[in-house]
Amino acid sequence: MAMAQGQGAATSLPPGFRFHPTDEELILHYLRNRAAATPCPVPIIADVDIYKFDPWDLPSQAVYGDCEWYFFSPRDRKYPNGIRPNRAAGSGYWKATGTDKPIHDAATGQGVGVKKALVFYKGRPPKGTKTAWIMHEYRLAADPLAAAVNTYKPIKFRNVSMRLDDWVLCRIYKKTGLASPMVPPLSDYDHMADHDDLSGGGSTFDDAACSFYAHSSSAPHDPVLLRALRRLLARADPRRRGRARRHPPPRRPPLPEPAPPRRRQRAR
């Protein structure tokens, strides 16, 4: 259950406040402070043992969050003498995906932490069902500085003999879709093509298309978008359709016919 730290912080935040820290900021200003038992810049991250909950129950335990939620959590060992973390949680388990990402201090270049991505599976391994819940787990780097700030008496969540890490920082969110937000749906282009401003000469649409193309990093590599723009340009400017008919694509020249075989002359 969420502990006292950070309770009531959400009600004291200024209007328009948004919490979007970088990986480096989460390590340097939040996880490092929590490990050293010093106050964080904003008491906005709750202490919760996330492995006692299903991920869809965690938003109610958070101090703040709309689409993603942050927690300080302990990690326990899977086996008494091992170093593997116990990933069982609620009605399922968290499974790591990809490789660990080192996090560096931009000012010094020093490695200050590690980021790991995990996906929640419902059920028991190895036959769990994959869900859309994602966790980014941040832990301090194993360097002298991290060891120096991690010398406080831990709070007992579980059996201390099974403790692997006193604190890690977890970002929890639910993946909602795979469509790129940079590319509007084709229905938006149809609406643009039917606009009265586009029925005259097509120059307004050309300017809009070029402006979108210049500001969209995904546009030059999206064949669907290319086809949609070409189709709408032709629809908006009748002269384009005329030019397309007057100038069909060049045809390949026919291949030369093979020469007839020579007749063999009889020897006299």
Protein backbone atom coordinates (compact mmCIF):
# COMPACT_ATOMS: atom_id res chain seq x y z
CA MET A 1 0.00 0.00 0.00
CA ALA A 2 1.20 3.56 -0.69
CA MET A 3 3.10 5.00 2.24
CA ALA A 4 3.00 8.43 3.82
CA GLN A 5 5.61 10.04 1.58
CA GLY A 6 3.96 12.05 -1.17
CA GLN A 7 0.39 11.76 0.12
CA GLY A 8 -1.46 15.00 -0.53
CA ALA A 9 1.21 16.26 -2.91
CA ALA A 10 -1.13 16.11 -5.89
CA THR A 11 -3.50 18.62 -4.28
CA SER A 12 -0.69 21.15 -3.67
CA LEU A 13 0.70 21.14 -7.22
CA PRO A 14 0.37 24.39 -9.22
CA PRO A 15 -2.17 24.61 -12.07
CA GLY A 16 -0.84 23.31 -15.37
CA PHE A 17 1.80 21.17 -13.71
CA ARG A 18 3.08 18.30 -15.86
CA PHE A 19 5.48 15.63 -14.64
CA HIS A 20 7.55 14.48 -17.62
CA PRO A 21 11.09 13.85 -16.27
CA THR A 22 13.89 12.45 -18.39
CA ASP A 23 15.63 9.19 -17.52
CA GLU A 24 18.61 11.15 -16.21
CA GLU A 25 16.40 13.34 -14.01
CA LEU A 26 14.62 10.33 -12.54
CA ILE A 27 17.95 8.85 -11.48
CA LEU A 28 19.75 11.99 -10.29
CA HIS A 29 16.93 13.89 -8.58
CA TYR A 30 14.47 11.22 -7.47
CA LEU A 31 15.86 7.68 -7.15
CA ARG A 32 19.19 8.83 -5.77
CA ASN A 33 17.44 11.05 -3.24
CA ARG A 34 15.08 8.28 -2.17
CA ALA A 35 17.95 5.85 -1.72
CA ALA A 36 19.73 8.40 0.46
CA ALA A 37 16.54 9.13 2.45
CA THR A 38 16.64 12.80 1.44
CA PRO A 39 13.61 14.76 0.18
CA CYS A 40 12.85 14.72 -3.54
CA PRO A 41 12.33 18.00 -5.45
CA VAL A 42 8.58 17.30 -5.50
CA PRO A 43 7.02 14.63 -3.23
CA ILE A 44 5.11 13.15 -6.14
CA ILE A 45 6.28 9.51 -6.23
CA ALA A 46 4.71 7.09 -3.75
CA ASP A 47 6.43 4.19 -1.98
CA VAL A 48 4.58 1.08 -3.17
CA ASP A 49 5.61 -2.56 -3.38
CA ILE A 50 4.36 -2.93 -6.95
CA TYR A 51 4.80 -6.72 -6.88
CA LYS A 52 1.82 -7.00 -4.54
CA PHE A 53 -0.52 -5.58 -7.19
CA ASP A 54 -1.73 -6.16 -10.71
CA PRO A 55 -0.66 -3.22 -12.88
CA TRP A 56 -4.26 -2.08 -13.49
CA ASP A 57 -4.66 -1.64 -9.73
CA LEU A 58 -1.56 0.54 -9.38
CA PRO A 59 -3.04 3.87 -10.62
CA SER A 60 -5.18 4.03 -7.49
CA GLN A 61 -2.00 3.71 -5.38
CA ALA A 62 -0.17 6.56 -7.14
CA VAL A 63 0.13 10.11 -5.85
CA TYR A 64 -0.08 11.66 -9.31
CA GLY A 65 -0.53 10.52 -12.89
CA ASP A 66 -2.94 10.40 -15.79
CA CYS A 67 -1.46 8.15 -18.48
CA GLU A 68 1.64 6.97 -16.58
CA TRP A 69 2.36 6.43 -12.91
CA TYR A 70 5.60 6.48 -10.90
CA PHE A 71 6.52 4.44 -7.82
CA PHE A 72 9.46 3.71 -5.56
CA SER A 73 9.48 -0.04 -4.97
CA PRO A 74 11.75 -2.66 -3.39
CA ARG A 75 12.92 -5.74 -5.28
CA ASP A 76 13.29 -9.20 -3.76
CA ARG A 77 15.36 -12.15 -4.83
CA LYS A 78 13.79 -15.07 -6.62
CA TYR A 79 16.06 -17.48 -4.74
CA PRO A 80 17.75 -16.91 -1.35
CA ASN A 81 21.29 -17.13 -2.69
CA GLY A 82 20.66 -15.79 -6.21
CA ILE A 83 20.73 -12.37 -7.83
CA ARG A 84 17.71 -12.80 -10.11
CA PRO A 85 14.75 -10.63 -9.07
CA ASN A 86 11.39 -12.15 -8.29
CA ARG A 87 9.04 -10.85 -11.00
CA ALA A 88 5.81 -12.49 -9.80
CA ALA A 89 3.14 -9.86 -9.22
CA GLY A 90 -0.57 -10.11 -8.49
CA SER A 91 -2.24 -12.50 -10.93
CA GLY A 92 0.78 -12.72 -13.24
CA TYR A 93 4.39 -11.70 -13.68
CA TRP A 94 6.62 -9.09 -15.28
CA LYS A 95 8.89 -10.25 -18.08
CA ALA A 96 11.94 -8.32 -19.23
CA THR A 97 12.16 -7.36 -22.89
CA GLY A 98 15.20 -6.07 -24.76
CA THR A 99 18.51 -5.18 -23.18
CA ASP A 100 19.30 -2.87 -20.27
CA LYS A 101 19.90 0.76 -21.21
CA PRO A 102 22.67 2.59 -19.32
CA ILE A 103 21.86 6.12 -18.17
CA HIS A 104 24.63 8.71 -18.02
CA ASP A 105 25.00 12.09 -16.39
CA ALA A 106 25.06 14.56 -19.29
CA ALA A 107 27.42 16.89 -17.42
CA THR A 108 30.08 14.34 -16.46
CA GLY A 109 29.41 11.39 -18.77
CA GLN A 110 29.41 9.10 -15.74
CA GLY A 111 27.05 6.12 -15.68
CA VAL A 112 24.48 6.81 -12.97
CA GLY A 113 21.78 4.20 -13.56
CA VAL A 114 20.24 1.45 -15.64
CA LYS A 115 16.83 1.30 -17.32
CA LYS A 116 15.02 -1.97 -18.02
CA ALA A 117 11.74 -2.44 -19.95
CA LEU A 118 9.25 -5.12 -18.87
CA VAL A 119 5.84 -6.37 -20.04
CA PHE A 120 3.17 -7.79 -17.74
CA TYR A 121 1.85 -11.30 -18.44
CA LYS A 122 -1.31 -12.61 -16.81
CA GLY A 123 -1.08 -16.18 -15.55
CA ARG A 124 1.94 -18.28 -14.73
CA PRO A 125 5.06 -18.78 -16.84
CA PRO A 126 5.66 -20.01 -19.40
CA LYS A 127 2.01 -19.91 -20.54
CA GLY A 128 1.10 -16.40 -19.47
CA THR A 129 -1.00 -14.09 -21.62
CA LYS A 130 0.72 -10.90 -22.71
CA THR A 131 -1.00 -7.65 -21.75
CA ALA A 132 -0.57 -4.03 -22.82
CA TRP A 133 0.91 -2.96 -19.47
CA ILE A 134 4.53 -1.77 -19.63
CA MET A 135 7.03 -0.97 -16.89
CA HIS A 136 10.27 0.98 -17.11
CA GLU A 137 12.41 0.05 -14.13
CA TYR A 138 15.25 2.35 -13.06
CA ARG A 139 17.96 1.30 -10.66
CA LEU A 140 21.15 2.97 -9.51
CA ALA A 141 24.40 2.03 -11.20
CA ALA A 142 26.77 -0.23 -9.29
CA ASP A 143 29.46 2.41 -8.76
CA PRO A 144 31.07 3.89 -5.62
CA LEU A 145 28.76 6.92 -5.65
CA ALA A 146 25.63 4.78 -5.82
CA ALA A 147 26.96 2.58 -3.03
CA ALA A 148 27.73 5.63 -0.88
CA VAL A 149 24.19 7.01 -1.08
CA ASN A 150 22.60 3.60 -0.48
CA THR A 151 23.71 3.20 3.15
CA TYR A 152 20.49 3.77 5.08
CA LYS A 153 18.28 1.41 7.07
CA PRO A 154 15.74 -0.12 4.67
CA ILE A 155 12.00 -0.16 5.34
CA LYS A 156 10.72 -3.70 5.77
CA PHE A 157 8.29 -4.61 3.00
CA ARG A 158 9.07 -8.33 3.05
CA ASN A 159 11.63 -10.68 4.46
CA VAL A 160 14.88 -8.67 4.52
CA SER A 161 16.95 -11.78 3.79
CA MET A 162 15.34 -11.91 0.33
CA ARG A 163 15.94 -8.23 -0.42
CA LEU A 164 17.78 -7.55 -3.68
CA ASP A 165 17.34 -3.76 -3.97
CA ASP A 166 15.98 -1.46 -1.31
CA TRP A 167 14.59 0.93 -3.91
CA VAL A 168 14.05 1.02 -7.64
CA LEU A 169 11.96 3.58 -9.49
CA CYS A 170 9.16 2.24 -11.70
CA ARG A 171 7.21 3.98 -14.44
CA ILE A 172 3.98 2.10 -15.26
CA TYR A 173 1.76 2.77 -18.26
CA LYS A 174 -0.62 1.00 -20.62
CA LYS A 175 0.23 0.85 -24.31
CA THR A 176 -2.78 2.10 -26.25
CA GLY A 177 -1.86 1.78 -29.94
CA LEU A 178 0.88 1.47 -32.54
CA ALA A 179 -0.23 4.12 -35.06
CA SER A 180 2.20 7.00 -35.49
CA PRO A 181 0.73 10.31 -34.28
CA MET A 182 2.67 12.13 -37.00
CA VAL A 183 0.56 10.64 -39.82
CA PRO A 184 -3.14 11.64 -39.84
CA PRO A 185 -5.70 9.06 -41.00
CA LEU A 186 -6.64 8.99 -44.67
CA SER A 187 -10.10 10.32 -43.83
CA ASP A 188 -8.46 13.62 -42.87
CA TYR A 189 -6.94 13.91 -46.33
CA ASP A 190 -10.30 13.20 -47.97
CA HIS A 191 -11.80 16.02 -45.92
CA MET A 192 -9.03 18.35 -47.07
CA ALA A 193 -9.50 17.41 -50.71
CA ASP A 194 -13.24 18.15 -50.59
CA HIS A 195 -12.67 21.62 -49.14
CA ASP A 196 -13.86 24.53 -51.28
CA ASP A 197 -10.43 26.18 -51.24
CA LEU A 198 -8.96 23.21 -53.08
CA SER A 199 -11.41 23.20 -55.97
CA GLY A 200 -9.94 26.24 -57.70
CA GLY A 201 -6.36 25.63 -58.73
CA GLY A 202 -4.88 23.30 -56.17
CA SER A 203 -2.17 25.73 -55.04
CA THR A 204 -3.57 26.00 -51.49
CA PHE A 205 -3.48 22.26 -51.08
CA ASP A 206 0.01 22.10 -52.60
CA ASP A 207 1.25 24.60 -50.00
CA ALA A 208 -0.44 22.68 -47.17
CA ALA A 209 0.94 19.37 -48.39
CA CYS A 210 4.46 20.76 -48.72
CA SER A 211 4.25 22.34 -45.27
CA PHE A 212 3.12 19.04 -43.70
CA TYR A 213 5.81 17.19 -45.62
CA ALA A 214 8.50 19.57 -44.38
CA HIS A 215 7.47 19.19 -40.73
CA SER A 216 6.77 15.46 -40.66
CA SER A 217 9.81 13.27 -40.13
CA SER A 218 7.84 10.16 -41.06
CA ALA A 219 6.27 11.52 -44.27
CA PRO A 220 9.17 10.88 -46.73
CA HIS A 221 9.27 7.21 -45.71
CA ASP A 222 5.53 6.46 -45.64
CA PRO A 223 4.25 4.97 -48.93
CA VAL A 224 0.63 5.21 -47.78
CA LEU A 225 1.01 8.94 -47.20
CA LEU A 226 2.73 9.39 -50.57
CA ARG A 227 -0.11 7.68 -52.41
CA ALA A 228 -2.70 9.71 -50.50
CA LEU A 229 -1.00 13.00 -51.34
CA ARG A 230 -0.67 12.13 -55.03
CA ARG A 231 -4.31 11.07 -55.20
CA LEU A 232 -5.54 14.22 -53.49
CA LEU A 233 -3.35 16.50 -55.57
CA ALA A 234 -4.87 15.02 -58.71
CA ARG A 235 -8.37 15.35 -57.27
CA ALA A 236 -7.84 18.98 -56.21
CA ASP A 237 -6.34 20.20 -59.51
CA PRO A 238 -8.08 19.00 -62.73
CA ARG A 239 -5.06 20.13 -64.73
CA ARG A 240 -3.00 17.46 -63.00
CA ARG A 241 -5.37 14.79 -64.24
CA GLY A 242 -5.12 16.20 -67.77
CA ARG A 243 -1.34 16.18 -67.65
CA ALA A 244 -1.41 12.64 -66.37
CA ARG A 245 -3.52 11.57 -69.35
CA ARG A 246 -1.49 13.55 -71.90
CA HIS A 247 1.79 12.26 -70.56
CA PRO A 248 1.43 8.58 -69.81
CA PRO A 249 4.43 6.79 -68.36
CA PRO A 250 6.97 5.78 -71.03
CA ARG A 251 6.70 2.28 -72.34
CA ARG A 252 9.60 -0.06 -72.65
CA PRO A 253 10.69 -0.68 -76.25
CA PRO A 254 9.81 -4.14 -77.55
CA LEU A 255 12.54 -6.71 -77.48
CA PRO A 256 14.08 -7.52 -80.90
CA GLU A 257 12.83 -10.70 -82.51
CA PRO A 258 15.38 -13.51 -82.58
CA ALA A 259 17.06 -14.17 -85.94
CA PRO A 260 15.87 -17.31 -87.78
CA PRO A 261 18.24 -20.26 -87.52
CA ARG A 262 20.62 -20.79 -90.43
CA ARG A 263 20.12 -23.79 -92.65
CA ARG A 264 23.00 -26.18 -92.80
CA GLN A 265 24.33 -26.67 -96.35
CA ARG A 266 24.92 -30.16 -97.59
CA ALA A 267 28.48 -31.09 -98.51
CA ARG A 268 28.93 -31.73 -102.26
